[in-house]
Amino acid sequence: MGLHLMLAGATALALLVYLVAVLLRPERF
């Protein structure tokens, strides 16, 4: 279960970073 939670956390973090990047740099996407 720990590995599953870590994988879910990593996925959520990656999506959050991508969303912030899109919001900060809309001209690049």
N, C-alpha and C. Protein backbone atom coordinates (compact mmCIF):
# COMPACT_ATOMS: atom_id res chain seq x y z
N MET A 1 0.83 -1.20 0.00
CA MET A 1 0.00 0.00 0.00
C MET A 1 0.87 1.25 0.00
N GLY A 2 2.02 1.18 0.67
CA GLY A 2 2.91 2.34 0.70
C GLY A 2 3.38 2.73 -0.70
N LEU A 3 3.72 1.72 -1.50
CA LEU A 3 4.18 2.00 -2.87
C LEU A 3 3.05 2.63 -3.68
N HIS A 4 1.83 2.14 -3.50
CA HIS A 4 0.68 2.68 -4.24
C HIS A 4 0.45 4.15 -3.86
N LEU A 5 0.56 4.45 -2.57
CA LEU A 5 0.36 5.83 -2.12
C LEU A 5 1.46 6.73 -2.66
N MET A 6 2.69 6.23 -2.69
CA MET A 6 3.81 7.03 -3.19
C MET A 6 3.64 7.29 -4.69
N LEU A 7 3.18 6.28 -5.43
CA LEU A 7 2.95 6.44 -6.87
C LEU A 7 1.83 7.46 -7.11
N ALA A 8 0.76 7.37 -6.33
CA ALA A 8 -0.35 8.32 -6.47
C ALA A 8 0.11 9.73 -6.13
N GLY A 9 0.93 9.86 -5.10
CA GLY A 9 1.45 11.17 -4.71
C GLY A 9 2.35 11.76 -5.78
N ALA A 10 3.19 10.93 -6.38
CA ALA A 10 4.08 11.39 -7.44
C ALA A 10 3.28 11.85 -8.66
N THR A 11 2.22 11.12 -8.99
CA THR A 11 1.36 11.49 -10.12
C THR A 11 0.66 12.81 -9.85
N ALA A 12 0.13 12.98 -8.65
CA ALA A 12 -0.55 14.22 -8.28
C ALA A 12 0.43 15.39 -8.31
N LEU A 13 1.65 15.17 -7.83
CA LEU A 13 2.65 16.23 -7.82
C LEU A 13 3.03 16.62 -9.24
N ALA A 14 3.20 15.64 -10.12
CA ALA A 14 3.54 15.92 -11.52
C ALA A 14 2.43 16.72 -12.19
N LEU A 15 1.17 16.35 -11.94
CA LEU A 15 0.04 17.08 -12.52
C LEU A 15 0.00 18.51 -11.99
N LEU A 16 0.29 18.69 -10.71
CA LEU A 16 0.28 20.03 -10.11
C LEU A 16 1.37 20.90 -10.72
N VAL A 17 2.57 20.34 -10.86
CA VAL A 17 3.68 21.08 -11.46
C VAL A 17 3.35 21.45 -12.91
N TYR A 18 2.75 20.53 -13.65
CA TYR A 18 2.38 20.80 -15.05
C TYR A 18 1.33 21.91 -15.12
N LEU A 19 0.35 21.85 -14.22
CA LEU A 19 -0.70 22.88 -14.20
C LEU A 19 -0.11 24.25 -13.90
N VAL A 20 0.78 24.33 -12.92
CA VAL A 20 1.43 25.60 -12.58
C VAL A 20 2.25 26.11 -13.76
N ALA A 21 2.96 25.22 -14.44
CA ALA A 21 3.76 25.62 -15.60
C ALA A 21 2.87 26.19 -16.71
N VAL A 22 1.72 25.56 -16.94
CA VAL A 22 0.80 26.05 -17.97
C VAL A 22 0.23 27.42 -17.58
N LEU A 23 -0.08 27.59 -16.31
CA LEU A 23 -0.64 28.87 -15.85
C LEU A 23 0.40 29.99 -15.91
N LEU A 24 1.65 29.66 -15.60
CA LEU A 24 2.70 30.68 -15.60
C LEU A 24 3.21 30.98 -17.00
N ARG A 25 3.22 29.97 -17.87
CA ARG A 25 3.77 30.15 -19.22
C ARG A 25 2.78 29.68 -20.28
N PRO A 26 1.62 30.33 -20.42
CA PRO A 26 0.61 29.86 -21.38
C PRO A 26 1.08 29.96 -22.84
N GLU A 27 2.02 30.86 -23.12
CA GLU A 27 2.47 31.01 -24.51
C GLU A 27 3.32 29.83 -24.99
N ARG A 28 3.81 29.02 -24.06
CA ARG A 28 4.65 27.88 -24.46
C ARG A 28 3.82 26.65 -24.80
N PHE A 29 2.54 26.64 -24.43
CA PHE A 29 1.71 25.44 -24.63
C PHE A 29 0.58 25.70 -25.61
